Amino acid sequence: MKAHIGLTEKDSDAVSIQLAKLLSDEFVLYTKTRNAHWNVTGADFHAMHIFFENQYKQLDDLIDSVAERIRKIGHFAPATMKLFLDLTHLTEYSERTNDGLGYMADLLADHESIIAFIRGNITPFADQNKDYGTSDFVTNVMEIHEEMAWMLRSYFR
């Protein structure tokens, strides 16, 4: 059954396409953060292991909320690795060492990429697509990524 929530089909389609990209980015970043949690090495292993665990738990919540937002506007969320890899803006893997700072630099770049993507969609969601709910929603998602990026960036100062 179609959602009759005050959005045109064209607008909900446009928004859902961008949200599917965001969901894919979130899932790829989650996987990369899990990788860091599992494979980090070095003298600071324990602290990094816990740090990355906290980050992937936050991302798990974001993944669910983005998928549910897609459903709320009447679309199905992408849910396969192939679709995620086809839709993501991120690189699945990068060459780096398995130390905490190596993972952090890679993950920080991904968070910043997601922040820029979201920032570029806030106004179009509201102004072009008349979807103020999704505009507000992604603003909150962006703020979570800004905090996560800040936590990562703080290790480099």
N, C-alpha and C. Protein backbone atom coordinates (compact mmCIF):
# COMPACT_ATOMS: atom_id res chain seq x y z
N MET A 1 0.84 -1.18 0.00
CA MET A 1 0.00 0.00 0.00
C MET A 1 0.89 1.24 0.00
N LYS A 2 0.57 2.19 -0.82
CA LYS A 2 1.29 3.46 -0.91
C LYS A 2 1.06 4.29 0.35
N ALA A 3 2.09 5.04 0.70
CA ALA A 3 1.97 5.97 1.82
C ALA A 3 1.34 7.26 1.32
N HIS A 4 0.31 7.71 2.00
CA HIS A 4 -0.36 8.97 1.67
C HIS A 4 -0.04 9.96 2.79
N ILE A 5 1.17 10.54 2.68
CA ILE A 5 1.68 11.36 3.78
C ILE A 5 1.99 12.79 3.34
N GLY A 6 1.41 13.21 2.22
CA GLY A 6 1.60 14.58 1.78
C GLY A 6 2.80 14.81 0.89
N LEU A 7 3.46 13.75 0.47
CA LEU A 7 4.57 13.85 -0.48
C LEU A 7 4.10 13.32 -1.83
N THR A 8 4.51 13.98 -2.89
CA THR A 8 4.20 13.44 -4.20
C THR A 8 5.05 12.18 -4.42
N GLU A 9 4.62 11.35 -5.32
CA GLU A 9 5.39 10.15 -5.64
C GLU A 9 6.78 10.53 -6.14
N LYS A 10 6.83 11.56 -6.98
CA LYS A 10 8.12 12.02 -7.51
C LYS A 10 9.05 12.45 -6.38
N ASP A 11 8.53 13.21 -5.41
CA ASP A 11 9.36 13.67 -4.30
C ASP A 11 9.79 12.53 -3.39
N SER A 12 8.88 11.63 -3.06
CA SER A 12 9.27 10.51 -2.19
C SER A 12 10.27 9.60 -2.90
N ASP A 13 10.13 9.43 -4.22
CA ASP A 13 11.11 8.65 -4.98
C ASP A 13 12.49 9.30 -4.91
N ALA A 14 12.54 10.61 -5.13
CA ALA A 14 13.82 11.33 -5.10
C ALA A 14 14.48 11.24 -3.73
N VAL A 15 13.68 11.42 -2.70
CA VAL A 15 14.22 11.35 -1.33
C VAL A 15 14.70 9.93 -1.03
N SER A 16 13.92 8.94 -1.40
CA SER A 16 14.29 7.55 -1.09
C SER A 16 15.59 7.15 -1.79
N ILE A 17 15.83 7.67 -2.97
CA ILE A 17 17.08 7.37 -3.68
C ILE A 17 18.28 7.89 -2.88
N GLN A 18 18.17 9.11 -2.37
CA GLN A 18 19.27 9.68 -1.59
C GLN A 18 19.41 8.96 -0.24
N LEU A 19 18.29 8.61 0.37
CA LEU A 19 18.36 7.87 1.63
C LEU A 19 18.96 6.48 1.42
N ALA A 20 18.70 5.85 0.28
CA ALA A 20 19.30 4.55 -0.01
C ALA A 20 20.82 4.68 -0.11
N LYS A 21 21.29 5.76 -0.69
CA LYS A 21 22.74 6.01 -0.74
C LYS A 21 23.30 6.21 0.66
N LEU A 22 22.58 6.98 1.47
CA LEU A 22 23.01 7.20 2.85
C LEU A 22 23.04 5.89 3.62
N LEU A 23 22.01 5.08 3.48
CA LEU A 23 21.97 3.79 4.16
C LEU A 23 23.16 2.93 3.73
N SER A 24 23.47 2.95 2.46
CA SER A 24 24.61 2.17 1.97
C SER A 24 25.92 2.68 2.56
N ASP A 25 26.07 3.99 2.61
CA ASP A 25 27.26 4.56 3.24
C ASP A 25 27.35 4.15 4.71
N GLU A 26 26.23 4.20 5.41
CA GLU A 26 26.21 3.83 6.82
C GLU A 26 26.62 2.36 7.00
N PHE A 27 26.12 1.50 6.12
CA PHE A 27 26.42 0.07 6.26
C PHE A 27 27.88 -0.22 5.96
N VAL A 28 28.43 0.42 4.94
CA VAL A 28 29.84 0.22 4.62
C VAL A 28 30.71 0.76 5.75
N LEU A 29 30.38 1.93 6.28
CA LEU A 29 31.15 2.48 7.40
C LEU A 29 31.03 1.58 8.64
N TYR A 30 29.86 1.05 8.88
CA TYR A 30 29.68 0.11 9.99
C TYR A 30 30.61 -1.10 9.83
N THR A 31 30.65 -1.66 8.63
CA THR A 31 31.48 -2.83 8.37
C THR A 31 32.96 -2.49 8.56
N LYS A 32 33.36 -1.32 8.09
CA LYS A 32 34.75 -0.90 8.26
C LYS A 32 35.09 -0.66 9.74
N THR A 33 34.13 -0.17 10.49
CA THR A 33 34.37 0.07 11.91
C THR A 33 34.44 -1.25 12.67
N ARG A 34 33.61 -2.21 12.28
CA ARG A 34 33.70 -3.57 12.85
C ARG A 34 35.08 -4.17 12.55
N ASN A 35 35.54 -3.98 11.32
CA ASN A 35 36.87 -4.46 10.93
C ASN A 35 37.92 -3.88 11.87
N ALA A 36 37.84 -2.57 12.12
CA ALA A 36 38.79 -1.93 13.02
C ALA A 36 38.71 -2.55 14.42
N HIS A 37 37.51 -2.76 14.90
CA HIS A 37 37.29 -3.35 16.22
C HIS A 37 37.93 -4.74 16.31
N TRP A 38 37.74 -5.54 15.27
CA TRP A 38 38.25 -6.90 15.28
C TRP A 38 39.76 -6.98 15.07
N ASN A 39 40.30 -6.09 14.25
CA ASN A 39 41.67 -6.28 13.76
C ASN A 39 42.69 -5.26 14.23
N VAL A 40 42.30 -4.31 15.06
CA VAL A 40 43.26 -3.32 15.53
C VAL A 40 44.36 -4.02 16.34
N THR A 41 45.58 -3.52 16.18
CA THR A 41 46.72 -4.05 16.92
C THR A 41 47.50 -2.89 17.53
N GLY A 42 48.37 -3.21 18.45
CA GLY A 42 49.26 -2.21 19.03
C GLY A 42 49.12 -2.13 20.54
N ALA A 43 49.98 -1.28 21.11
CA ALA A 43 50.03 -1.13 22.56
C ALA A 43 48.72 -0.61 23.13
N ASP A 44 47.96 0.12 22.31
CA ASP A 44 46.68 0.67 22.76
C ASP A 44 45.49 -0.19 22.32
N PHE A 45 45.76 -1.47 22.07
CA PHE A 45 44.73 -2.38 21.55
C PHE A 45 43.43 -2.30 22.36
N HIS A 46 43.52 -2.47 23.66
CA HIS A 46 42.29 -2.56 24.46
C HIS A 46 41.46 -1.29 24.36
N ALA A 47 42.09 -0.15 24.51
CA ALA A 47 41.37 1.13 24.42
C ALA A 47 40.75 1.30 23.03
N MET A 48 41.49 0.96 22.00
CA MET A 48 40.98 1.09 20.62
C MET A 48 39.86 0.11 20.36
N HIS A 49 39.99 -1.10 20.87
CA HIS A 49 38.96 -2.13 20.71
C HIS A 49 37.63 -1.62 21.29
N ILE A 50 37.68 -1.04 22.46
CA ILE A 50 36.47 -0.51 23.11
C ILE A 50 35.96 0.73 22.35
N PHE A 51 36.87 1.60 21.94
CA PHE A 51 36.48 2.81 21.19
C PHE A 51 35.72 2.43 19.92
N PHE A 52 36.29 1.51 19.14
CA PHE A 52 35.63 1.10 17.89
C PHE A 52 34.31 0.39 18.15
N GLU A 53 34.22 -0.34 19.25
CA GLU A 53 32.95 -0.99 19.60
C GLU A 53 31.87 0.06 19.85
N ASN A 54 32.21 1.10 20.58
CA ASN A 54 31.23 2.17 20.82
C ASN A 54 30.80 2.82 19.51
N GLN A 55 31.74 3.00 18.61
CA GLN A 55 31.41 3.63 17.32
C GLN A 55 30.50 2.73 16.49
N TYR A 56 30.82 1.43 16.39
CA TYR A 56 29.96 0.59 15.55
C TYR A 56 28.57 0.42 16.15
N LYS A 57 28.45 0.49 17.46
CA LYS A 57 27.11 0.42 18.06
C LYS A 57 26.28 1.65 17.69
N GLN A 58 26.90 2.82 17.66
CA GLN A 58 26.19 4.02 17.22
C GLN A 58 25.77 3.89 15.76
N LEU A 59 26.66 3.34 14.94
CA LEU A 59 26.34 3.17 13.52
C LEU A 59 25.23 2.15 13.31
N ASP A 60 25.19 1.12 14.14
CA ASP A 60 24.11 0.14 14.04
C ASP A 60 22.76 0.81 14.25
N ASP A 61 22.68 1.70 15.22
CA ASP A 61 21.43 2.44 15.46
C ASP A 61 21.10 3.34 14.27
N LEU A 62 22.11 3.99 13.69
CA LEU A 62 21.88 4.86 12.53
C LEU A 62 21.37 4.07 11.33
N ILE A 63 21.96 2.92 11.10
CA ILE A 63 21.54 2.07 9.98
C ILE A 63 20.04 1.77 10.10
N ASP A 64 19.64 1.35 11.27
CA ASP A 64 18.24 1.01 11.49
C ASP A 64 17.34 2.23 11.29
N SER A 65 17.75 3.37 11.80
CA SER A 65 16.89 4.56 11.68
C SER A 65 16.79 5.04 10.23
N VAL A 66 17.86 4.95 9.46
CA VAL A 66 17.80 5.36 8.05
C VAL A 66 16.90 4.40 7.26
N ALA A 67 17.06 3.10 7.51
CA ALA A 67 16.19 2.12 6.82
C ALA A 67 14.73 2.36 7.18
N GLU A 68 14.46 2.63 8.43
CA GLU A 68 13.08 2.88 8.85
C GLU A 68 12.54 4.19 8.25
N ARG A 69 13.39 5.18 8.06
CA ARG A 69 12.95 6.43 7.42
C ARG A 69 12.53 6.15 5.98
N ILE A 70 13.28 5.32 5.29
CA ILE A 70 12.94 4.95 3.92
C ILE A 70 11.56 4.28 3.90
N ARG A 71 11.31 3.41 4.86
CA ARG A 71 10.02 2.72 4.94
C ARG A 71 8.89 3.71 5.27
N LYS A 72 9.17 4.67 6.14
CA LYS A 72 8.15 5.64 6.55
C LYS A 72 7.65 6.48 5.38
N ILE A 73 8.50 6.70 4.39
CA ILE A 73 8.06 7.50 3.24
C ILE A 73 7.58 6.62 2.10
N GLY A 74 7.40 5.32 2.38
CA GLY A 74 6.72 4.44 1.44
C GLY A 74 7.58 3.63 0.49
N HIS A 75 8.86 3.44 0.82
CA HIS A 75 9.75 2.69 -0.05
C HIS A 75 10.40 1.55 0.72
N PHE A 76 11.00 0.64 -0.03
CA PHE A 76 11.75 -0.45 0.58
C PHE A 76 13.21 -0.07 0.64
N ALA A 77 13.86 -0.43 1.74
CA ALA A 77 15.28 -0.13 1.93
C ALA A 77 16.13 -1.17 1.21
N PRO A 78 17.23 -0.74 0.59
CA PRO A 78 18.16 -1.72 0.04
C PRO A 78 18.71 -2.56 1.18
N ALA A 79 18.91 -3.83 0.93
CA ALA A 79 19.34 -4.70 2.04
C ALA A 79 20.23 -5.85 1.59
N THR A 80 21.02 -5.61 0.56
CA THR A 80 21.99 -6.63 0.16
C THR A 80 23.36 -5.97 0.05
N MET A 81 24.39 -6.78 0.23
CA MET A 81 25.75 -6.25 0.12
C MET A 81 25.99 -5.68 -1.29
N LYS A 82 25.48 -6.34 -2.31
CA LYS A 82 25.66 -5.86 -3.68
C LYS A 82 25.05 -4.47 -3.84
N LEU A 83 23.83 -4.30 -3.37
CA LEU A 83 23.20 -2.97 -3.48
C LEU A 83 23.96 -1.93 -2.67
N PHE A 84 24.37 -2.28 -1.46
CA PHE A 84 25.14 -1.32 -0.66
C PHE A 84 26.41 -0.90 -1.39
N LEU A 85 27.12 -1.85 -1.95
CA LEU A 85 28.37 -1.52 -2.64
C LEU A 85 28.11 -0.75 -3.93
N ASP A 86 26.99 -1.01 -4.58
CA ASP A 86 26.64 -0.25 -5.79
C ASP A 86 26.25 1.19 -5.47
N LEU A 87 25.65 1.41 -4.31
CA LEU A 87 25.10 2.72 -3.98
C LEU A 87 26.02 3.60 -3.14
N THR A 88 27.00 3.02 -2.46
CA THR A 88 27.81 3.78 -1.52
C THR A 88 28.72 4.79 -2.22
N HIS A 89 29.03 5.86 -1.50
CA HIS A 89 30.02 6.84 -1.93
C HIS A 89 31.40 6.47 -1.40
N LEU A 90 31.45 5.53 -0.49
CA LEU A 90 32.68 5.19 0.21
C LEU A 90 33.45 4.09 -0.51
N THR A 91 34.70 3.99 -0.17
CA THR A 91 35.53 2.90 -0.66
C THR A 91 35.46 1.78 0.36
N GLU A 92 35.23 0.59 -0.11
CA GLU A 92 35.05 -0.52 0.81
C GLU A 92 36.32 -0.81 1.61
N TYR A 93 37.47 -0.71 0.98
CA TYR A 93 38.71 -1.07 1.65
C TYR A 93 39.80 -0.12 1.23
N SER A 94 40.67 0.19 2.16
CA SER A 94 41.84 0.99 1.82
C SER A 94 43.07 0.36 2.45
N GLU A 95 44.20 0.54 1.81
CA GLU A 95 45.47 0.04 2.34
C GLU A 95 45.86 0.89 3.54
N ARG A 96 46.14 0.26 4.64
CA ARG A 96 46.58 0.94 5.84
C ARG A 96 47.17 -0.09 6.78
N THR A 97 47.80 0.37 7.81
CA THR A 97 48.26 -0.54 8.84
C THR A 97 47.10 -0.84 9.78
N ASN A 98 47.26 -1.84 10.61
CA ASN A 98 46.18 -2.22 11.52
C ASN A 98 46.29 -1.54 12.88
N ASP A 99 47.07 -0.47 12.94
CA ASP A 99 47.14 0.27 14.19
C ASP A 99 45.93 1.19 14.32
N GLY A 100 45.67 1.64 15.53
CA GLY A 100 44.51 2.48 15.79
C GLY A 100 44.45 3.71 14.93
N LEU A 101 45.56 4.43 14.79
CA LEU A 101 45.57 5.67 14.00
C LEU A 101 45.32 5.41 12.53
N GLY A 102 45.80 4.29 12.01
CA GLY A 102 45.54 3.95 10.62
C GLY A 102 44.05 3.77 10.36
N TYR A 103 43.41 3.02 11.23
CA TYR A 103 41.96 2.84 11.09
C TYR A 103 41.23 4.16 11.30
N MET A 104 41.67 4.92 12.28
CA MET A 104 40.98 6.18 12.59
C MET A 104 41.02 7.15 11.42
N ALA A 105 42.15 7.25 10.75
CA ALA A 105 42.25 8.16 9.61
C ALA A 105 41.29 7.74 8.50
N ASP A 106 41.21 6.46 8.25
CA ASP A 106 40.31 5.93 7.23
C ASP A 106 38.85 6.19 7.60
N LEU A 107 38.49 5.89 8.83
CA LEU A 107 37.11 6.07 9.27
C LEU A 107 36.73 7.55 9.34
N LEU A 108 37.66 8.39 9.76
CA LEU A 108 37.40 9.83 9.80
C LEU A 108 37.06 10.36 8.42
N ALA A 109 37.82 9.96 7.42
CA ALA A 109 37.54 10.40 6.05
C ALA A 109 36.14 9.97 5.61
N ASP A 110 35.72 8.78 6.01
CA ASP A 110 34.38 8.30 5.66
C ASP A 110 33.29 9.10 6.37
N HIS A 111 33.48 9.37 7.65
CA HIS A 111 32.50 10.18 8.37
C HIS A 111 32.38 11.56 7.72
N GLU A 112 33.50 12.16 7.38
CA GLU A 112 33.46 13.49 6.76
C GLU A 112 32.79 13.45 5.40
N SER A 113 32.98 12.38 4.66
CA SER A 113 32.30 12.22 3.37
C SER A 113 30.78 12.12 3.57
N ILE A 114 30.36 11.36 4.56
CA ILE A 114 28.93 11.23 4.86
C ILE A 114 28.36 12.57 5.31
N ILE A 115 29.09 13.28 6.14
CA ILE A 115 28.63 14.59 6.61
C ILE A 115 28.40 15.52 5.42
N ALA A 116 29.35 15.56 4.50
CA ALA A 116 29.21 16.43 3.32
C ALA A 116 28.02 16.00 2.46
N PHE A 117 27.82 14.69 2.29
CA PHE A 117 26.69 14.19 1.53
C PHE A 117 25.37 14.60 2.17
N ILE A 118 25.27 14.41 3.47
CA ILE A 118 24.04 14.79 4.17
C ILE A 118 23.81 16.29 4.07
N ARG A 119 24.85 17.07 4.34
CA ARG A 119 24.72 18.53 4.31
C ARG A 119 24.20 18.99 2.94
N GLY A 120 24.62 18.31 1.88
CA GLY A 120 24.17 18.65 0.54
C GLY A 120 22.72 18.28 0.26
N ASN A 121 22.12 17.48 1.13
CA ASN A 121 20.74 17.04 0.92
C ASN A 121 19.73 17.70 1.86
N ILE A 122 20.16 18.34 2.91
CA ILE A 122 19.24 18.92 3.89
C ILE A 122 18.29 19.92 3.24
N THR A 123 18.83 20.89 2.54
CA THR A 123 18.00 21.92 1.91
C THR A 123 17.18 21.38 0.75
N PRO A 124 17.76 20.57 -0.15
CA PRO A 124 16.92 20.01 -1.22
C PRO A 124 15.75 19.17 -0.71
N PHE A 125 15.96 18.38 0.35
CA PHE A 125 14.85 17.61 0.89
C PHE A 125 13.71 18.53 1.31
N ALA A 126 14.05 19.64 1.95
CA ALA A 126 13.02 20.57 2.42
C ALA A 126 12.47 21.42 1.28
N ASP A 127 13.33 22.06 0.52
CA ASP A 127 12.89 23.05 -0.47
C ASP A 127 12.38 22.42 -1.76
N GLN A 128 13.08 21.45 -2.30
CA GLN A 128 12.69 20.86 -3.58
C GLN A 128 11.66 19.75 -3.42
N ASN A 129 11.84 18.92 -2.38
CA ASN A 129 10.98 17.75 -2.22
C ASN A 129 9.87 17.94 -1.19
N LYS A 130 9.88 19.07 -0.51
CA LYS A 130 8.86 19.38 0.51
C LYS A 130 8.77 18.29 1.59
N ASP A 131 9.91 17.65 1.86
CA ASP A 131 9.97 16.62 2.89
C ASP A 131 10.77 17.16 4.07
N TYR A 132 10.07 17.95 4.88
CA TYR A 132 10.70 18.59 6.02
C TYR A 132 11.07 17.58 7.10
N GLY A 133 10.32 16.50 7.18
CA GLY A 133 10.63 15.45 8.15
C GLY A 133 11.97 14.80 7.86
N THR A 134 12.20 14.45 6.60
CA THR A 134 13.48 13.84 6.25
C THR A 134 14.61 14.86 6.36
N SER A 135 14.34 16.10 6.03
CA SER A 135 15.36 17.14 6.20
C SER A 135 15.79 17.23 7.66
N ASP A 136 14.82 17.24 8.55
CA ASP A 136 15.12 17.27 9.98
C ASP A 136 15.83 15.99 10.41
N PHE A 137 15.35 14.86 9.94
CA PHE A 137 15.94 13.57 10.29
C PHE A 137 17.42 13.53 9.90
N VAL A 138 17.74 13.88 8.65
CA VAL A 138 19.14 13.78 8.23
C VAL A 138 20.01 14.82 8.92
N THR A 139 19.42 15.94 9.33
CA THR A 139 20.19 16.91 10.11
C THR A 139 20.65 16.26 11.41
N ASN A 140 19.77 15.52 12.05
CA ASN A 140 20.14 14.82 13.28
C ASN A 140 21.19 13.73 13.02
N VAL A 141 21.05 13.01 11.92
CA VAL A 141 22.05 12.00 11.56
C VAL A 141 23.40 12.67 11.34
N MET A 142 23.40 13.80 10.65
CA MET A 142 24.64 14.53 10.40
C MET A 142 25.31 14.93 11.71
N GLU A 143 24.52 15.39 12.68
CA GLU A 143 25.09 15.80 13.96
C GLU A 143 25.73 14.63 14.69
N ILE A 144 25.17 13.45 14.57
CA ILE A 144 25.78 12.26 15.17
C ILE A 144 27.12 11.98 14.50
N HIS A 145 27.16 12.06 13.18
CA HIS A 145 28.42 11.85 12.46
C HIS A 145 29.44 12.93 12.79
N GLU A 146 28.98 14.16 12.97
CA GLU A 146 29.91 15.23 13.35
C GLU A 146 30.57 14.91 14.70
N GLU A 147 29.78 14.41 15.64
CA GLU A 147 30.35 14.05 16.95
C GLU A 147 31.30 12.87 16.83
N MET A 148 30.92 11.86 16.05
CA MET A 148 31.79 10.71 15.87
C MET A 148 33.09 11.11 15.18
N ALA A 149 33.00 12.00 14.20
CA ALA A 149 34.19 12.48 13.50
C ALA A 149 35.08 13.28 14.45
N TRP A 150 34.46 14.09 15.28
CA TRP A 150 35.22 14.86 16.28
C TRP A 150 36.00 13.93 17.19
N MET A 151 35.36 12.85 17.65
CA MET A 151 36.04 11.89 18.52
C MET A 151 37.25 11.27 17.80
N LEU A 152 37.09 10.94 16.54
CA LEU A 152 38.20 10.39 15.77
C LEU A 152 39.28 11.44 15.54
N ARG A 153 38.86 12.63 15.14
CA ARG A 153 39.80 13.71 14.83
C ARG A 153 40.63 14.10 16.04
N SER A 154 40.06 13.98 17.22
CA SER A 154 40.75 14.37 18.44
C SER A 154 42.01 13.56 18.71
N TYR A 155 42.10 12.38 18.16
CA TYR A 155 43.30 11.57 18.33
C TYR A 155 44.48 12.12 17.53
N PHE A 156 44.22 13.00 16.58
CA PHE A 156 45.27 13.51 15.71
C PHE A 156 45.75 14.89 16.11
N ARG A 157 45.25 15.48 17.16
CA ARG A 157 45.63 16.84 17.56
C ARG A 157 46.56 16.82 18.73
